[in-house]
Amino acid sequence: MEYGMGAAQSIVSRDLWVKLGSSRLEPAGQLTAYGDKALNVMGQCWRQEEKPVEVELWQLEAVGIIEEVNPATTVIVLATPTVSVDKGNGMVQISGDF
């Protein structure tokens, strides 16, 4: 399996894995970066009990890319619609529709 920005899997640091809830890890196959560089990984996990869009939004919020806003208490100055694309492996990619 090769790591890439549009890949079906995401690689996160140990710190982020802890911040996201330290999900149970299962053995992972060997990952290879561009140039055939082997990557050491702790394992792999899925959060299948939740809907893929909810999981992706939760992860984006956990790393500070997006934030939840309550329109009843916060004036929304800027916002963008989003498009959710099924990656074919049960996960989604969320993009801004500018």
C-alpha atoms as a PDB file:
ATOM      1  CA  MET A   1       0.000   0.000   0.000  1.00  0.00           C
ATOM      2  CA  GLU A   2       1.357   3.448  -0.871  1.00  0.00           C
ATOM      3  CA  TYR A   3       0.726   6.590   1.185  1.00  0.00           C
ATOM      4  CA  GLY A   4      -0.730   9.524  -0.747  1.00  0.00           C
ATOM      5  CA  MET A   5      -2.846  12.643  -0.123  1.00  0.00           C
ATOM      6  CA  GLY A   6      -5.899  11.075  -1.769  1.00  0.00           C
ATOM      7  CA  ALA A   7      -5.351   7.654  -0.231  1.00  0.00           C
ATOM      8  CA  ALA A   8      -8.097   5.654   1.424  1.00  0.00           C
ATOM      9  CA  GLN A   9      -6.046   5.591   4.641  1.00  0.00           C
ATOM     10  CA  SER A  10      -4.731   8.461   6.729  1.00  0.00           C
ATOM     11  CA  ILE A  11      -1.536   8.409   8.761  1.00  0.00           C
ATOM     12  CA  VAL A  12      -1.625  10.262  12.068  1.00  0.00           C
ATOM     13  CA  SER A  13       0.951  10.854  14.772  1.00  0.00           C
ATOM     14  CA  ARG A  14       0.802   9.021  18.094  1.00  0.00           C
ATOM     15  CA  ASP A  15      -0.270  12.290  19.780  1.00  0.00           C
ATOM     16  CA  LEU A  16      -3.198  12.768  17.393  1.00  0.00           C
ATOM     17  CA  TRP A  17      -4.220   9.112  17.779  1.00  0.00           C
ATOM     18  CA  VAL A  18      -4.423   9.703  21.559  1.00  0.00           C
ATOM     19  CA  LYS A  19      -6.343  12.956  21.045  1.00  0.00           C
ATOM     20  CA  LEU A  20      -8.830  11.150  18.786  1.00  0.00           C
ATOM     21  CA  GLY A  21      -9.577   8.596  21.499  1.00  0.00           C
ATOM     22  CA  SER A  22      -6.876   5.900  21.159  1.00  0.00           C
ATOM     23  CA  SER A  23      -9.057   3.469  19.207  1.00  0.00           C
ATOM     24  CA  ARG A  24      -8.077  -0.198  19.398  1.00  0.00           C
ATOM     25  CA  LEU A  25      -5.397  -0.965  16.815  1.00  0.00           C
ATOM     26  CA  GLU A  26      -5.201  -4.036  14.644  1.00  0.00           C
ATOM     27  CA  PRO A  27      -2.071  -5.235  12.830  1.00  0.00           C
ATOM     28  CA  ALA A  28      -1.364  -3.185   9.701  1.00  0.00           C
ATOM     29  CA  GLY A  29       0.322  -4.172   6.482  1.00  0.00           C
ATOM     30  CA  GLN A  30       3.550  -2.504   5.395  1.00  0.00           C
ATOM     31  CA  LEU A  31       3.123   1.084   4.215  1.00  0.00           C
ATOM     32  CA  THR A  32       5.449   2.514   1.597  1.00  0.00           C
ATOM     33  CA  ALA A  33       5.940   6.226   0.879  1.00  0.00           C
ATOM     34  CA  TYR A  34       7.050   7.691  -2.411  1.00  0.00           C
ATOM     35  CA  GLY A  35      10.538   6.529  -3.319  1.00  0.00           C
ATOM     36  CA  ASP A  36       9.879   3.101  -1.768  1.00  0.00           C
ATOM     37  CA  LYS A  37      10.548   4.390   1.767  1.00  0.00           C
ATOM     38  CA  ALA A  38       9.111   1.983   4.360  1.00  0.00           C
ATOM     39  CA  LEU A  39       6.949   3.631   7.037  1.00  0.00           C
ATOM     40  CA  ASN A  40       6.709   2.223  10.557  1.00  0.00           C
ATOM     41  CA  VAL A  41       3.134   2.197  11.848  1.00  0.00           C
ATOM     42  CA  MET A  42       1.597   1.178  15.181  1.00  0.00           C
ATOM     43  CA  GLY A  43      -1.446  -0.438  13.540  1.00  0.00           C
ATOM     44  CA  GLN A  44      -4.721   0.438  11.897  1.00  0.00           C
ATOM     45  CA  CYS A  45      -8.195   1.207  13.209  1.00  0.00           C
ATOM     46  CA  TRP A  46     -11.673   2.093  12.004  1.00  0.00           C
ATOM     47  CA  ARG A  47     -14.559   3.842  13.710  1.00  0.00           C
ATOM     48  CA  GLN A  48     -17.262   1.869  11.895  1.00  0.00           C
ATOM     49  CA  GLU A  49     -19.898   2.381  14.590  1.00  0.00           C
ATOM     50  CA  GLU A  50     -20.411   5.960  13.382  1.00  0.00           C
ATOM     51  CA  LYS A  51     -21.395   7.384  10.009  1.00  0.00           C
ATOM     52  CA  PRO A  52     -18.387   8.233   7.790  1.00  0.00           C
ATOM     53  CA  VAL A  53     -19.307  11.937   7.415  1.00  0.00           C
ATOM     54  CA  GLU A  54     -19.648  12.330  11.194  1.00  0.00           C
ATOM     55  CA  VAL A  55     -16.281  10.614  11.753  1.00  0.00           C
ATOM     56  CA  GLU A  56     -14.521  12.836   9.209  1.00  0.00           C
ATOM     57  CA  LEU A  57     -16.048  16.020  10.669  1.00  0.00           C
ATOM     58  CA  TRP A  58     -15.075  14.902  14.185  1.00  0.00           C
ATOM     59  CA  GLN A  59     -11.473  14.283  13.063  1.00  0.00           C
ATOM     60  CA  LEU A  60     -11.241  17.655  11.285  1.00  0.00           C
ATOM     61  CA  GLU A  61     -12.524  19.360  14.436  1.00  0.00           C
ATOM     62  CA  ALA A  62     -10.087  17.431  16.663  1.00  0.00           C
ATOM     63  CA  VAL A  63      -7.082  18.759  14.739  1.00  0.00           C
ATOM     64  CA  GLY A  64      -8.396  22.326  14.607  1.00  0.00           C
ATOM     65  CA  ILE A  65      -9.169  22.535  10.890  1.00  0.00           C
ATOM     66  CA  ILE A  66     -12.861  23.236  11.493  1.00  0.00           C
ATOM     67  CA  GLU A  67     -14.863  24.280  14.530  1.00  0.00           C
ATOM     68  CA  GLU A  68     -18.456  23.750  15.532  1.00  0.00           C
ATOM     69  CA  VAL A  69     -20.491  26.963  15.589  1.00  0.00           C
ATOM     70  CA  ASN A  70     -23.872  27.444  17.237  1.00  0.00           C
ATOM     71  CA  PRO A  71     -25.756  29.913  14.989  1.00  0.00           C
ATOM     72  CA  ALA A  72     -28.097  30.735  17.878  1.00  0.00           C
ATOM     73  CA  THR A  73     -25.235  32.275  19.857  1.00  0.00           C
ATOM     74  CA  THR A  74     -22.593  33.125  17.237  1.00  0.00           C
ATOM     75  CA  VAL A  75     -22.887  35.413  14.225  1.00  0.00           C
ATOM     76  CA  ILE A  76     -21.680  33.502  11.176  1.00  0.00           C
ATOM     77  CA  VAL A  77     -19.566  35.828   9.052  1.00  0.00           C
ATOM     78  CA  LEU A  78     -17.999  33.317   6.657  1.00  0.00           C
ATOM     79  CA  ALA A  79     -19.181  29.850   5.692  1.00  0.00           C
ATOM     80  CA  THR A  80     -18.889  27.540   2.709  1.00  0.00           C
ATOM     81  CA  PRO A  81     -21.035  24.634   1.562  1.00  0.00           C
ATOM     82  CA  THR A  82     -19.353  21.248   1.584  1.00  0.00           C
ATOM     83  CA  VAL A  83     -19.334  18.261  -0.750  1.00  0.00           C
ATOM     84  CA  SER A  84     -18.887  14.758   0.692  1.00  0.00           C
ATOM     85  CA  VAL A  85     -17.412  12.145  -1.660  1.00  0.00           C
ATOM     86  CA  ASP A  86     -17.516   8.411  -0.908  1.00  0.00           C
ATOM     87  CA  LYS A  87     -13.958   7.012  -1.105  1.00  0.00           C
ATOM     88  CA  GLY A  88     -15.287   3.509  -1.765  1.00  0.00           C
ATOM     89  CA  ASN A  89     -13.902   2.039   1.469  1.00  0.00           C
ATOM     90  CA  GLY A  90     -16.633   3.247   3.825  1.00  0.00           C
ATOM     91  CA  MET A  91     -14.957   6.621   4.433  1.00  0.00           C
ATOM     92  CA  VAL A  92     -15.586  10.017   2.859  1.00  0.00           C
ATOM     93  CA  GLN A  93     -13.609  13.013   1.711  1.00  0.00           C
ATOM     94  CA  ILE A  94     -15.134  16.373   2.649  1.00  0.00           C
ATOM     95  CA  SER A  95     -14.260  19.376   0.478  1.00  0.00           C
ATOM     96  CA  GLY A  96     -15.352  23.008   0.424  1.00  0.00           C
ATOM     97  CA  ASP A  97     -17.558  23.867  -2.558  1.00  0.00           C
ATOM     98  CA  PHE A  98     -16.128  27.302  -3.414  1.00  0.00           C
END
